[in-house]
Amino acid sequence: MALRKLLAGFRGIEAFLPLSQDGFSASDVRNWPAWAGQECPSCGGFTRHASWPGGVPVPCAACMATPPWFPARSLFVYEGHVRDGIRAAKYAGRAVPAEALAERLLEAIRGKWSDRFPDGFRPSIVPIPIRPLKYFRRGFNLPALVGAALSRLSGWPFAPRVLERYGEIRPQAGLRLTAREENVRGAFRVPAGLAAPPEALLLDDVYTSGATANAGARALKTAGARHIVVLTVARAVF
């Protein structure tokens, strides 16, 4: 049993080992191509194959159940140089060009996503937290670095302590998509004595299954948030 648990802990270990030697500089980020294909109008899911009935975008099958946020948007596809750069920053201790990432996100917020971020929408930026052990090993949280830079550029409040992570059993990386929801169920909370902002921009680095975004948004909703938009740097395509 102990050996099985140990082996389970190493499942998907390749997800933690960046193999590419590609750089991850501000100039790299400015040259990353933003997703220009079709996307779900609700969850922002990328698709290369679907076509909309009559050319009108409709929510994808995964969005038929109402999520605790609306909408979700991601800027890059999580593959190639984007995937290598994010993994290098998270797992190999390379410098993080947070300002450049925030600039690209804000450009999209004020441009192609402007209908989802109207002038009167002034959310508090809430980064998805990582487990304390991960923070101790890395010395930083990538969503928080990008969130702080986005706050400086946009003028929106930055609320890094509103959400805390405490109940996740295993790292999400390496888990099957069907196991991710259960793994982070109840893994977030708003600390006692704090209230969630009424409008929140929940920020993460990568959107994979949506389990982490759902769990974080539910915790914010429980603590009083009314409108939550999920924003991620990159998104996996299946």
Protein backbone atom coordinates (compact mmCIF):
# COMPACT_ATOMS: atom_id res chain seq x y z
CA MET A 1 0.00 0.00 0.00
CA ALA A 2 2.79 2.42 0.90
CA LEU A 3 4.59 1.65 -2.36
CA ARG A 4 1.40 2.17 -4.33
CA LYS A 5 0.93 5.58 -2.73
CA LEU A 6 4.53 6.52 -3.47
CA LEU A 7 4.18 5.53 -7.11
CA ALA A 8 0.90 7.39 -7.37
CA GLY A 9 2.66 10.51 -6.16
CA PHE A 10 5.06 10.24 -9.10
CA ARG A 11 2.35 9.69 -11.71
CA GLY A 12 2.64 12.34 -14.35
CA ILE A 13 6.07 13.42 -13.07
CA GLU A 14 6.96 14.45 -16.62
CA ALA A 15 4.52 17.33 -16.20
CA PHE A 16 6.95 18.84 -13.70
CA LEU A 17 10.09 18.46 -15.80
CA PRO A 18 10.50 21.12 -18.48
CA LEU A 19 12.44 19.55 -21.30
CA SER A 20 12.83 22.53 -23.59
CA GLN A 21 15.63 25.03 -23.24
CA ASP A 22 13.55 27.76 -24.89
CA GLY A 23 13.68 31.16 -23.24
CA PHE A 24 10.86 32.79 -21.37
CA SER A 25 11.55 36.48 -21.71
CA ALA A 26 9.35 39.52 -22.17
CA SER A 27 10.16 39.53 -25.89
CA ASP A 28 9.14 35.86 -26.11
CA VAL A 29 5.78 36.63 -24.50
CA ARG A 30 5.16 39.58 -26.80
CA ASN A 31 5.67 37.28 -29.79
CA TRP A 32 3.41 34.46 -28.59
CA PRO A 33 0.40 34.21 -30.93
CA ALA A 34 -2.91 34.70 -29.17
CA TRP A 35 -5.65 32.20 -29.92
CA ALA A 36 -7.60 33.38 -32.96
CA GLY A 37 -9.90 30.41 -33.50
CA GLN A 38 -13.34 29.50 -32.25
CA GLU A 39 -14.09 29.52 -28.54
CA CYS A 40 -17.06 28.78 -26.33
CA PRO A 41 -18.86 32.06 -25.48
CA SER A 42 -19.23 30.93 -21.87
CA CYS A 43 -16.16 29.00 -20.74
CA GLY A 44 -13.88 30.28 -23.50
CA GLY A 45 -12.89 26.74 -24.47
CA PHE A 46 -10.77 26.53 -27.62
CA THR A 47 -11.81 24.24 -30.44
CA ARG A 48 -10.22 23.55 -33.80
CA HIS A 49 -12.97 21.38 -35.23
CA ALA A 50 -16.45 22.50 -34.20
CA SER A 51 -18.65 24.76 -36.26
CA TRP A 52 -21.47 26.86 -34.82
CA PRO A 53 -25.02 26.16 -36.04
CA GLY A 54 -25.90 29.00 -38.38
CA GLY A 55 -22.58 30.64 -37.52
CA VAL A 56 -23.85 31.74 -34.09
CA PRO A 57 -21.61 30.80 -31.13
CA VAL A 58 -23.31 28.56 -28.59
CA PRO A 59 -22.04 27.23 -25.24
CA CYS A 60 -20.15 23.95 -25.39
CA ALA A 61 -21.46 20.75 -23.83
CA ALA A 62 -19.36 21.30 -20.69
CA CYS A 63 -21.19 24.59 -20.07
CA MET A 64 -24.71 23.21 -20.14
CA ALA A 65 -24.53 23.15 -16.34
CA THR A 66 -24.26 26.73 -15.10
CA PRO A 67 -20.72 27.35 -13.77
CA PRO A 68 -20.12 29.54 -10.68
CA TRP A 69 -18.46 32.15 -12.93
CA PHE A 70 -19.21 33.88 -16.23
CA PRO A 71 -17.40 34.09 -18.49
CA ALA A 72 -13.93 32.48 -18.69
CA ARG A 73 -11.28 33.63 -21.12
CA SER A 74 -7.76 32.46 -21.99
CA LEU A 75 -5.21 34.09 -24.26
CA PHE A 76 -2.82 31.41 -25.49
CA VAL A 77 -2.97 27.72 -26.36
CA TYR A 78 -1.05 25.67 -23.81
CA GLU A 79 1.39 24.03 -26.17
CA GLY A 80 4.75 24.62 -27.82
CA HIS A 81 6.69 27.66 -26.64
CA VAL A 82 3.87 28.77 -24.35
CA ARG A 83 3.78 25.45 -22.52
CA ASP A 84 7.58 25.27 -22.32
CA GLY A 85 7.85 28.81 -20.96
CA ILE A 86 5.20 28.41 -18.27
CA ARG A 87 6.65 25.07 -17.15
CA ALA A 88 10.16 26.50 -17.09
CA ALA A 89 9.02 29.33 -14.83
CA LYS A 90 7.05 27.08 -12.49
CA TYR A 91 9.37 24.10 -12.24
CA ALA A 92 12.85 25.23 -13.28
CA GLY A 93 13.11 28.50 -11.41
CA ARG A 94 13.51 30.74 -14.43
CA ALA A 95 12.58 34.40 -14.39
CA VAL A 96 8.92 35.21 -14.93
CA PRO A 97 8.10 38.10 -17.33
CA ALA A 98 4.95 38.90 -15.37
CA GLU A 99 4.69 42.45 -16.70
CA ALA A 100 4.70 41.26 -20.32
CA LEU A 101 2.07 38.61 -19.58
CA ALA A 102 -0.11 41.23 -17.87
CA GLU A 103 0.32 43.60 -20.81
CA ARG A 104 -0.89 40.93 -23.24
CA LEU A 105 -3.89 40.11 -21.02
CA LEU A 106 -4.84 43.77 -20.62
CA GLU A 107 -4.54 44.29 -24.37
CA ALA A 108 -7.12 41.52 -24.87
CA ILE A 109 -9.34 42.83 -22.06
CA ARG A 110 -9.47 46.26 -23.72
CA GLY A 111 -9.68 44.79 -27.21
CA LYS A 112 -11.30 41.54 -28.26
CA TRP A 113 -12.77 40.86 -24.79
CA SER A 114 -14.06 44.38 -24.20
CA ASP A 115 -17.68 43.18 -24.28
CA ARG A 116 -16.91 40.97 -21.27
CA PHE A 117 -15.11 43.73 -19.38
CA PRO A 118 -17.34 46.83 -19.71
CA ASP A 119 -16.16 50.21 -18.44
CA GLY A 120 -18.18 49.94 -15.23
CA PHE A 121 -16.72 46.54 -14.33
CA ARG A 122 -14.02 47.06 -11.71
CA PRO A 123 -13.15 43.64 -10.29
CA SER A 124 -10.66 42.80 -7.60
CA ILE A 125 -7.95 40.54 -9.04
CA VAL A 126 -7.86 37.30 -7.06
CA PRO A 127 -5.02 34.93 -8.03
CA ILE A 128 -5.51 31.20 -7.59
CA PRO A 129 -3.23 30.32 -4.65
CA ILE A 130 -0.86 27.37 -4.60
CA ARG A 131 -0.25 24.99 -1.73
CA PRO A 132 2.17 26.33 0.93
CA LEU A 133 4.73 23.61 0.19
CA LYS A 134 4.81 24.61 -3.48
CA TYR A 135 5.26 28.24 -2.52
CA PHE A 136 8.11 27.28 -0.21
CA ARG A 137 9.84 25.37 -3.02
CA ARG A 138 9.31 27.97 -5.76
CA GLY A 139 9.39 31.17 -3.78
CA PHE A 140 6.55 32.65 -5.83
CA ASN A 141 3.09 31.99 -7.22
CA LEU A 142 2.87 32.63 -10.97
CA PRO A 143 -0.81 33.77 -11.00
CA ALA A 144 -0.04 36.18 -8.15
CA LEU A 145 2.94 37.70 -10.00
CA VAL A 146 0.85 38.22 -13.13
CA GLY A 147 -2.09 39.46 -11.05
CA ALA A 148 0.02 42.07 -9.29
CA ALA A 149 1.33 43.35 -12.63
CA LEU A 150 -2.18 43.39 -14.11
CA SER A 151 -3.39 45.37 -11.09
CA ARG A 152 -0.68 48.00 -11.61
CA LEU A 153 -1.50 48.34 -15.31
CA SER A 154 -5.30 48.31 -15.04
CA GLY A 155 -5.80 50.13 -11.75
CA TRP A 156 -8.00 47.28 -10.51
CA PRO A 157 -7.56 46.24 -6.86
CA PHE A 158 -5.29 43.29 -6.13
CA ALA A 159 -6.57 40.81 -3.52
CA PRO A 160 -4.02 38.00 -3.14
CA ARG A 161 -5.14 37.00 0.37
CA VAL A 162 -8.86 36.70 -0.25
CA LEU A 163 -8.56 33.06 -1.31
CA GLU A 164 -6.47 30.37 0.34
CA ARG A 165 -5.77 26.77 -0.62
CA TYR A 166 -5.84 24.20 2.13
CA GLY A 167 -7.57 20.93 1.25
CA GLU A 168 -6.10 19.65 -2.02
CA ILE A 169 -4.93 16.05 -1.67
CA ARG A 170 -2.60 15.74 -4.66
CA PRO A 171 -1.16 18.06 -7.32
CA GLN A 172 -3.53 18.56 -10.24
CA ALA A 173 -0.75 18.04 -12.80
CA GLY A 174 -0.67 14.42 -13.91
CA LEU A 175 -4.22 13.62 -12.77
CA ARG A 176 -6.84 12.43 -15.21
CA LEU A 177 -9.43 15.05 -16.09
CA THR A 178 -12.14 13.07 -14.33
CA ALA A 179 -10.12 13.03 -11.09
CA ARG A 180 -9.34 16.74 -10.99
CA GLU A 181 -12.79 17.87 -9.84
CA GLU A 182 -12.77 15.55 -6.85
CA ASN A 183 -9.18 16.42 -5.98
CA VAL A 184 -9.91 20.13 -5.51
CA ARG A 185 -13.43 19.83 -4.15
CA GLY A 186 -13.48 22.08 -1.08
CA ALA A 187 -9.79 22.93 -1.54
CA PHE A 188 -10.31 26.71 -1.33
CA ARG A 189 -11.78 29.04 1.23
CA VAL A 190 -11.97 32.69 2.10
CA PRO A 191 -10.22 33.15 5.47
CA ALA A 192 -12.35 33.95 8.47
CA GLY A 193 -12.83 37.68 8.91
CA LEU A 194 -12.52 38.41 5.18
CA ALA A 195 -15.27 38.90 2.63
CA ALA A 196 -15.03 38.16 -1.05
CA PRO A 197 -15.18 41.20 -3.33
CA PRO A 198 -18.55 41.60 -5.06
CA GLU A 199 -16.78 41.58 -8.45
CA ALA A 200 -13.78 39.29 -8.86
CA LEU A 201 -11.35 38.45 -11.61
CA LEU A 202 -10.14 34.94 -10.74
CA LEU A 203 -6.71 34.60 -12.33
CA ASP A 204 -4.74 31.41 -13.02
CA ASP A 205 -1.89 30.41 -15.30
CA VAL A 206 -3.46 27.46 -17.16
CA TYR A 207 -7.04 26.30 -17.65
CA THR A 208 -7.13 22.52 -18.13
CA SER A 209 -10.35 20.89 -16.95
CA GLY A 210 -11.89 23.90 -15.20
CA ALA A 211 -11.90 22.06 -11.86
CA THR A 212 -9.60 24.55 -10.13
CA ALA A 213 -11.52 27.56 -11.46
CA ASN A 214 -14.83 26.02 -10.38
CA ALA A 215 -13.59 25.26 -6.87
CA GLY A 216 -12.07 28.71 -6.39
CA ALA A 217 -15.16 30.46 -7.73
CA ARG A 218 -17.46 28.45 -5.47
CA ALA A 219 -15.45 29.53 -2.44
CA LEU A 220 -15.71 33.18 -3.51
CA LYS A 221 -19.45 32.84 -4.16
CA THR A 222 -19.97 31.31 -0.73
CA ALA A 223 -18.18 34.31 0.80
CA GLY A 224 -20.31 36.88 -1.00
CA ALA A 225 -18.94 37.38 -4.53
CA ARG A 226 -21.69 38.16 -7.03
CA HIS A 227 -19.88 38.35 -10.39
CA ILE A 228 -16.78 36.29 -11.13
CA VAL A 229 -14.82 36.27 -14.38
CA VAL A 230 -12.13 33.61 -14.84
CA LEU A 231 -9.01 34.65 -16.73
CA THR A 232 -6.04 32.42 -17.53
CA VAL A 233 -2.82 32.97 -19.42
CA ALA A 234 -3.18 29.73 -21.38
CA ARG A 235 -5.65 26.96 -22.04
CA ALA A 236 -5.28 23.30 -22.92
CA VAL A 237 -6.97 22.04 -26.09
CA PHE A 238 -8.32 18.49 -26.18
